[in-house]
Amino acid sequence: MKKKVVIFILGLFCSIELSAQVFNFDEPLAHTYSIVARDPETGEMGVAVQSHWFSVGSIVAWGEAGVGVVATQSFVNPSFGPRGLDLLKKGKTAQEVVDELIASDEGRDVRQLAIVDSKGNSFAYTGSKCISEAGHFVGNGYSVQANMMLNNTVWNAMSKAFENSTGPLAERLLTALEAAQNEGGDIRGKQSACLLVVRGDATGNLWEDRLIDLRVEDNPNPVEEIRRLLKVYRAYEHMNKGDLAVEKSDMKLAMDEYNAAMEMFPENLEMKYWTAVTLANTGEVEKYLPMFKEIFASDINWKELTKRLPSVGLLTVSDEILRNILAQ
């Protein structure tokens, strides 16, 4: 009798150890919905994801310019990200990479994986033991996937929304996430989101190749918040283009870009301030003085900053004009 008990206990420990190896409980349980896609016109590739899990973007979303994008989720195997990109760089297609990664993984039954390569090939996998509702849909140049959803219609809603959307890839990716949430989303609710977009062709400079990298780590409405952040990003794109135009002495273009930014975020003091500085440098008194007055009234520290600009050549006005600005 004692031998039978010992054998039973040993068998139980072996079973637990095997389960731990398969499910790898040390890895995050990023049950979620996501989309990977490539824009056929620009070549840009992106990943967007939302989950009721902290900092989902740090483990689910992977991408490299000129290579492809990866979403690894459910009982996440984070190595699928860098390993997948490495295999793509070796010339394998999205399907070949997914097949190879899944075949090598003892925990394949609880994995969910989707890849789009730089040629627009897309492929996805959903393990048989992913928590329902779980599934994916592979379309032309994209894939949508979800697990632990409230409804089994989530990924089809994402697909429909993405295919019917227009505009830049980043905005279209978020449209797919919004469709998932409107369909019921994650059965547990919402917590974090991520949006990653990379160039279709690599320049070799990471700061140029990674076009958008936005994350919401912990928020009651992460998809809504990341949409807001994308709008801020677009506004600052106009600011950056305005700065570039100033460097090239194209003041008309600079003001067009600055005005576009301010129209998107009229309450943003940063945008107003540098627009006012540019107007001062071009001598448009009737425009910049009211702006400085409004800015200084909101936060006196901007006045202190203004005193420091002439010495570094960012405010090129006479001492008299400077005193007039600071008097506002």
Protein backbone atom coordinates (compact mmCIF):
# COMPACT_ATOMS: atom_id res chain seq x y z
CA MET A 1 0.00 0.00 0.00
CA LYS A 2 2.82 2.39 0.92
CA LYS A 3 4.55 1.66 -2.40
CA LYS A 4 1.35 2.55 -4.29
CA VAL A 5 1.07 5.84 -2.42
CA VAL A 6 4.72 6.69 -3.12
CA ILE A 7 4.30 5.84 -6.79
CA PHE A 8 1.12 7.95 -6.97
CA ILE A 9 2.84 10.96 -5.34
CA LEU A 10 5.86 10.65 -7.63
CA GLY A 11 3.56 10.47 -10.60
CA LEU A 12 1.68 13.52 -9.39
CA PHE A 13 4.93 15.52 -9.02
CA CYS A 14 6.02 14.46 -12.50
CA SER A 15 2.66 15.55 -13.89
CA ILE A 16 2.93 18.94 -12.16
CA GLU A 17 6.50 19.40 -13.40
CA LEU A 18 5.48 18.53 -16.95
CA SER A 19 2.56 20.98 -16.79
CA ALA A 20 4.89 23.70 -15.54
CA GLN A 21 7.23 23.05 -18.45
CA VAL A 22 4.39 23.16 -20.98
CA PHE A 23 2.56 26.18 -19.59
CA ASN A 24 5.70 27.90 -18.26
CA PHE A 25 4.01 29.69 -15.37
CA ASP A 26 6.95 32.11 -15.12
CA GLU A 27 5.79 33.69 -18.37
CA PRO A 28 3.06 36.38 -18.51
CA LEU A 29 -0.53 35.41 -19.26
CA ALA A 30 -1.18 38.17 -21.78
CA HIS A 31 -4.65 37.13 -22.89
CA THR A 32 -5.58 39.79 -25.35
CA TYR A 33 -6.60 40.93 -28.81
CA SER A 34 -4.18 42.25 -31.40
CA ILE A 35 -3.57 43.00 -35.06
CA VAL A 36 -0.43 42.77 -37.18
CA ALA A 37 -0.52 44.41 -40.61
CA ARG A 38 1.38 45.90 -43.52
CA ASP A 39 0.34 48.94 -45.55
CA PRO A 40 0.73 47.95 -49.24
CA GLU A 41 1.14 51.60 -50.31
CA THR A 42 3.81 52.77 -47.86
CA GLY A 43 5.27 49.40 -46.87
CA GLU A 44 4.88 50.34 -43.19
CA MET A 45 4.24 47.47 -40.80
CA GLY A 46 2.59 47.64 -37.43
CA VAL A 47 1.26 45.91 -34.34
CA ALA A 48 -1.57 47.10 -32.10
CA VAL A 49 -2.65 45.27 -28.96
CA GLN A 50 -4.88 45.63 -25.88
CA SER A 51 -5.12 43.44 -22.81
CA HIS A 52 -6.28 43.27 -19.22
CA TRP A 53 -2.63 42.83 -18.26
CA PHE A 54 -0.04 45.37 -17.17
CA SER A 55 2.36 46.67 -19.85
CA VAL A 56 1.17 44.34 -22.60
CA GLY A 57 3.26 46.06 -25.26
CA SER A 58 6.55 45.11 -23.63
CA ILE A 59 6.00 41.40 -24.27
CA VAL A 60 3.46 41.04 -27.09
CA ALA A 61 4.46 43.51 -29.81
CA TRP A 62 7.66 43.15 -31.84
CA GLY A 63 8.74 44.75 -35.10
CA GLU A 64 11.74 45.67 -37.21
CA ALA A 65 11.89 47.86 -40.29
CA GLY A 66 12.42 45.93 -43.50
CA VAL A 67 11.78 42.65 -41.67
CA GLY A 68 8.29 42.25 -40.23
CA VAL A 69 6.05 42.43 -37.18
CA VAL A 70 5.13 39.82 -34.58
CA ALA A 71 2.39 39.47 -31.95
CA THR A 72 2.96 36.71 -29.38
CA GLN A 73 0.19 36.29 -26.82
CA SER A 74 -2.04 34.04 -24.67
CA PHE A 75 0.42 32.19 -22.38
CA VAL A 76 3.14 34.34 -23.90
CA ASN A 77 6.40 32.93 -25.17
CA PRO A 78 8.35 36.23 -25.38
CA SER A 79 11.18 34.58 -27.30
CA PHE A 80 8.87 34.30 -30.31
CA GLY A 81 9.40 38.04 -30.87
CA PRO A 82 13.17 38.26 -31.36
CA ARG A 83 13.45 34.72 -32.70
CA GLY A 84 10.68 35.36 -35.20
CA LEU A 85 12.32 38.53 -36.50
CA ASP A 86 15.65 36.73 -36.77
CA LEU A 87 14.09 33.95 -38.84
CA LEU A 88 12.41 36.50 -41.10
CA LYS A 89 15.80 38.14 -41.67
CA LYS A 90 17.09 34.77 -42.82
CA GLY A 91 14.54 34.79 -45.64
CA LYS A 92 11.74 32.68 -44.22
CA THR A 93 8.13 33.65 -44.86
CA ALA A 94 5.62 34.49 -42.15
CA GLN A 95 4.07 31.01 -42.35
CA GLU A 96 7.44 29.27 -42.25
CA VAL A 97 8.43 31.23 -39.17
CA VAL A 98 5.17 30.56 -37.35
CA ASP A 99 5.37 26.86 -38.19
CA GLU A 100 8.97 26.61 -37.00
CA LEU A 101 8.42 28.48 -33.74
CA ILE A 102 5.28 26.54 -32.85
CA ALA A 103 6.82 23.17 -33.72
CA SER A 104 9.76 23.87 -31.39
CA ASP A 105 7.57 24.85 -28.42
CA GLU A 106 6.25 22.31 -25.91
CA GLY A 107 3.67 24.87 -24.82
CA ARG A 108 2.25 25.25 -28.32
CA ASP A 109 -1.30 24.36 -27.24
CA VAL A 110 -1.58 27.49 -25.11
CA ARG A 111 0.20 29.88 -27.49
CA GLN A 112 -1.17 32.41 -29.95
CA LEU A 113 1.14 33.85 -32.56
CA ALA A 114 0.76 36.09 -35.62
CA ILE A 115 3.35 37.41 -38.06
CA VAL A 116 3.40 39.67 -41.12
CA ASP A 117 6.62 39.87 -43.12
CA SER A 118 7.97 42.76 -45.19
CA LYS A 119 6.44 41.32 -48.37
CA GLY A 120 2.98 41.30 -46.86
CA ASN A 121 2.77 37.57 -46.21
CA SER A 122 0.70 36.92 -43.09
CA PHE A 123 0.08 33.88 -40.93
CA ALA A 124 -1.27 33.07 -37.48
CA TYR A 125 -1.71 30.21 -35.02
CA THR A 126 -4.11 29.66 -32.12
CA GLY A 127 -3.40 26.75 -29.78
CA SER A 128 -6.14 24.27 -28.98
CA LYS A 129 -5.98 25.09 -25.26
CA CYS A 130 -6.11 28.87 -25.51
CA ILE A 131 -8.88 30.06 -23.22
CA SER A 132 -12.11 30.66 -25.13
CA GLU A 133 -13.33 32.58 -26.79
CA ALA A 134 -10.17 32.39 -28.91
CA GLY A 135 -9.39 32.50 -32.59
CA HIS A 136 -7.83 34.42 -35.45
CA PHE A 137 -8.44 35.55 -39.00
CA VAL A 138 -5.68 35.92 -41.59
CA GLY A 139 -6.40 38.44 -44.31
CA ASN A 140 -4.45 39.97 -47.17
CA GLY A 141 -1.40 41.54 -45.53
CA TYR A 142 -2.75 41.34 -41.99
CA SER A 143 -3.90 39.06 -39.22
CA VAL A 144 -6.22 39.65 -36.25
CA GLN A 145 -6.20 37.35 -33.21
CA ALA A 146 -7.80 37.21 -29.78
CA ASN A 147 -8.20 34.95 -26.78
CA MET A 148 -10.23 35.02 -23.56
CA MET A 149 -12.78 37.23 -25.30
CA LEU A 150 -16.31 37.82 -24.11
CA ASN A 151 -17.63 36.84 -27.56
CA ASN A 152 -16.35 34.70 -30.43
CA THR A 153 -17.15 37.48 -32.90
CA VAL A 154 -14.29 39.76 -31.83
CA TRP A 155 -11.66 38.84 -34.42
CA ASN A 156 -14.13 38.95 -37.30
CA ALA A 157 -15.25 42.41 -36.17
CA MET A 158 -11.60 43.49 -36.12
CA SER A 159 -11.06 42.15 -39.62
CA LYS A 160 -14.12 43.91 -41.01
CA ALA A 161 -13.21 47.21 -39.34
CA PHE A 162 -9.63 47.10 -40.62
CA GLU A 163 -10.59 46.23 -44.18
CA ASN A 164 -13.19 49.00 -44.30
CA SER A 165 -10.86 51.63 -42.82
CA THR A 166 -8.78 54.21 -44.68
CA GLY A 167 -5.88 56.51 -43.86
CA PRO A 168 -2.47 55.91 -42.28
CA LEU A 169 -1.69 52.44 -40.99
CA ALA A 170 -1.48 53.50 -37.34
CA GLU A 171 -5.01 54.93 -37.33
CA ARG A 172 -6.34 51.84 -39.10
CA LEU A 173 -4.74 49.54 -36.51
CA LEU A 174 -6.49 51.43 -33.73
CA THR A 175 -9.77 51.18 -35.61
CA ALA A 176 -9.42 47.40 -35.38
CA LEU A 177 -8.78 47.59 -31.62
CA GLU A 178 -11.81 49.81 -31.15
CA ALA A 179 -13.94 47.34 -33.07
CA ALA A 180 -12.75 44.55 -30.76
CA GLN A 181 -13.67 46.53 -27.69
CA ASN A 182 -17.07 47.45 -29.12
CA GLU A 183 -17.68 43.74 -29.72
CA GLY A 184 -17.13 42.98 -26.03
CA GLY A 185 -13.35 42.69 -25.91
CA ASP A 186 -11.44 40.88 -23.18
CA ILE A 187 -13.83 39.14 -20.77
CA ARG A 188 -11.80 40.55 -17.84
CA GLY A 189 -11.87 44.14 -19.02
CA LYS A 190 -9.14 46.61 -20.04
CA GLN A 191 -5.75 47.71 -18.72
CA SER A 192 -2.96 48.35 -21.22
CA ALA A 193 -2.37 48.90 -24.94
CA CYS A 194 0.43 49.38 -27.42
CA LEU A 195 0.88 50.75 -30.93
CA LEU A 196 4.08 50.03 -32.87
CA VAL A 197 4.74 51.03 -36.49
CA VAL A 198 8.02 50.53 -38.38
CA ARG A 199 9.23 51.45 -41.86
CA GLY A 200 8.86 49.06 -44.73
CA ASP A 201 12.49 49.58 -45.71
CA ALA A 202 15.21 49.91 -43.10
CA THR A 203 17.49 52.96 -43.08
CA GLY A 204 19.80 51.44 -40.48
CA ASN A 205 18.93 54.19 -38.01
CA LEU A 206 16.60 52.96 -35.28
CA TRP A 207 15.32 56.47 -34.55
CA GLU A 208 14.18 56.75 -38.15
CA ASP A 209 13.01 53.18 -38.65
CA ARG A 210 10.67 53.00 -35.64
CA LEU A 211 8.02 55.49 -36.71
CA ILE A 212 5.54 55.14 -33.84
CA ASP A 213 6.06 53.45 -30.49
CA LEU A 214 3.28 54.32 -28.06
CA ARG A 215 2.31 52.46 -24.90
CA VAL A 216 -0.35 52.78 -22.25
CA GLU A 217 0.78 50.63 -19.35
CA ASP A 218 -2.12 50.94 -16.89
CA ASN A 219 -5.33 52.77 -17.70
CA PRO A 220 -9.08 52.08 -17.36
CA ASN A 221 -9.55 52.94 -21.05
CA PRO A 222 -6.25 52.07 -22.76
CA VAL A 223 -7.48 52.03 -26.36
CA GLU A 224 -9.12 55.42 -25.95
CA GLU A 225 -5.94 56.75 -24.34
CA ILE A 226 -3.65 55.42 -27.05
CA ARG A 227 -5.90 57.03 -29.67
CA ARG A 228 -5.41 60.33 -27.80
CA LEU A 229 -1.64 59.81 -27.72
CA LEU A 230 -1.60 59.13 -31.45
CA LYS A 231 -3.34 62.46 -32.01
CA VAL A 232 -0.68 64.17 -29.87
CA TYR A 233 1.98 62.38 -31.90
CA ARG A 234 0.46 63.67 -35.15
CA ALA A 235 0.39 67.22 -33.76
CA TYR A 236 4.07 67.04 -32.85
CA GLU A 237 4.81 65.72 -36.33
CA HIS A 238 3.56 69.09 -37.57
CA MET A 239 5.74 70.85 -34.99
CA ASN A 240 8.82 68.92 -36.11
CA LYS A 241 8.09 69.74 -39.75
CA GLY A 242 7.70 73.37 -38.76
CA ASP A 243 11.09 73.34 -37.03
CA LEU A 244 12.65 71.80 -40.14
CA ALA A 245 11.09 74.49 -42.30
CA VAL A 246 12.55 77.17 -40.01
CA GLU A 247 16.01 75.62 -40.46
CA LYS A 248 15.51 75.96 -44.21
CA SER A 249 14.20 79.54 -43.84
CA ASP A 250 10.81 78.57 -45.28
CA MET A 251 8.75 80.61 -42.85
CA LYS A 252 5.45 80.20 -44.70
CA LEU A 253 5.68 76.42 -44.49
CA ALA A 254 6.84 76.66 -40.88
CA MET A 255 3.80 78.69 -39.88
CA ASP A 256 1.46 76.36 -41.80
CA GLU A 257 2.84 73.41 -39.85
CA TYR A 258 2.76 75.21 -36.49
CA ASN A 259 -0.81 76.33 -37.09
CA ALA A 260 -1.84 72.79 -38.00
CA ALA A 261 -0.36 71.56 -34.72
CA MET A 262 -2.08 74.24 -32.66
CA GLU A 263 -5.42 73.53 -34.31
CA MET A 264 -5.13 69.94 -33.12
CA PHE A 265 -4.17 70.96 -29.56
CA PRO A 266 -5.05 74.62 -28.98
CA GLU A 267 -4.51 74.28 -25.22
CA ASN A 268 -0.91 73.04 -25.58
CA LEU A 269 1.45 75.76 -24.29
CA GLU A 270 4.54 74.13 -25.80
CA MET A 271 3.17 74.46 -29.30
CA LYS A 272 1.97 78.03 -28.72
CA TYR A 273 5.29 79.08 -27.24
CA TRP A 274 7.56 77.97 -30.06
CA THR A 275 5.14 79.36 -32.60
CA ALA A 276 5.32 82.70 -30.80
CA VAL A 277 9.13 82.53 -30.81
CA THR A 278 9.13 81.90 -34.56
CA LEU A 279 6.74 84.82 -35.11
CA ALA A 280 8.99 87.06 -33.01
CA ASN A 281 12.01 86.07 -35.06
CA THR A 282 10.13 87.03 -38.23
CA GLY A 283 8.89 90.33 -36.78
CA GLU A 284 5.14 89.69 -36.73
CA VAL A 285 4.49 91.79 -33.64
CA GLU A 286 0.71 91.84 -33.85
CA LYS A 287 0.67 88.04 -33.68
CA TYR A 288 3.37 87.06 -31.21
CA LEU A 289 2.76 89.56 -28.39
CA PRO A 290 -0.80 88.32 -27.60
CA MET A 291 0.48 84.74 -27.69
CA PHE A 292 3.33 85.47 -25.25
CA LYS A 293 0.88 87.27 -22.97
CA GLU A 294 -1.45 84.24 -22.88
CA ILE A 295 1.44 81.83 -22.31
CA PHE A 296 3.03 83.85 -19.49
CA ALA A 297 -0.37 84.23 -17.81
CA SER A 298 -0.75 80.46 -17.78
CA ASP A 299 2.75 79.67 -16.51
CA ILE A 300 5.36 82.27 -15.52
CA ASN A 301 8.21 79.81 -16.09
CA TRP A 302 7.88 80.37 -19.84
CA LYS A 303 8.91 83.98 -19.25
CA GLU A 304 12.06 82.81 -17.49
CA LEU A 305 12.80 80.47 -20.41
CA THR A 306 12.38 83.35 -22.86
CA LYS A 307 15.19 85.27 -21.13
CA ARG A 308 17.56 82.39 -21.87
CA LEU A 309 16.87 81.99 -25.59
CA PRO A 310 18.81 84.95 -27.06
CA SER A 311 22.15 83.69 -25.71
CA VAL A 312 21.79 80.44 -27.63
CA GLY A 313 20.45 82.04 -30.82
CA LEU A 314 16.88 80.74 -30.59
CA LEU A 315 15.32 84.18 -30.12
CA THR A 316 16.94 86.67 -32.49
CA VAL A 317 15.33 89.95 -31.50
CA SER A 318 16.68 93.27 -30.28
CA ASP A 319 16.98 94.04 -26.58
CA GLU A 320 14.08 96.46 -26.91
CA ILE A 321 11.79 93.84 -28.43
CA LEU A 322 12.86 91.33 -25.80
CA ARG A 323 11.92 93.74 -23.05
CA ASN A 324 8.58 94.27 -24.76
CA ILE A 325 7.96 90.53 -24.88
CA LEU A 326 8.87 90.08 -21.22
CA ALA A 327 6.58 92.92 -20.25
CA GLN A 328 3.57 90.97 -21.37
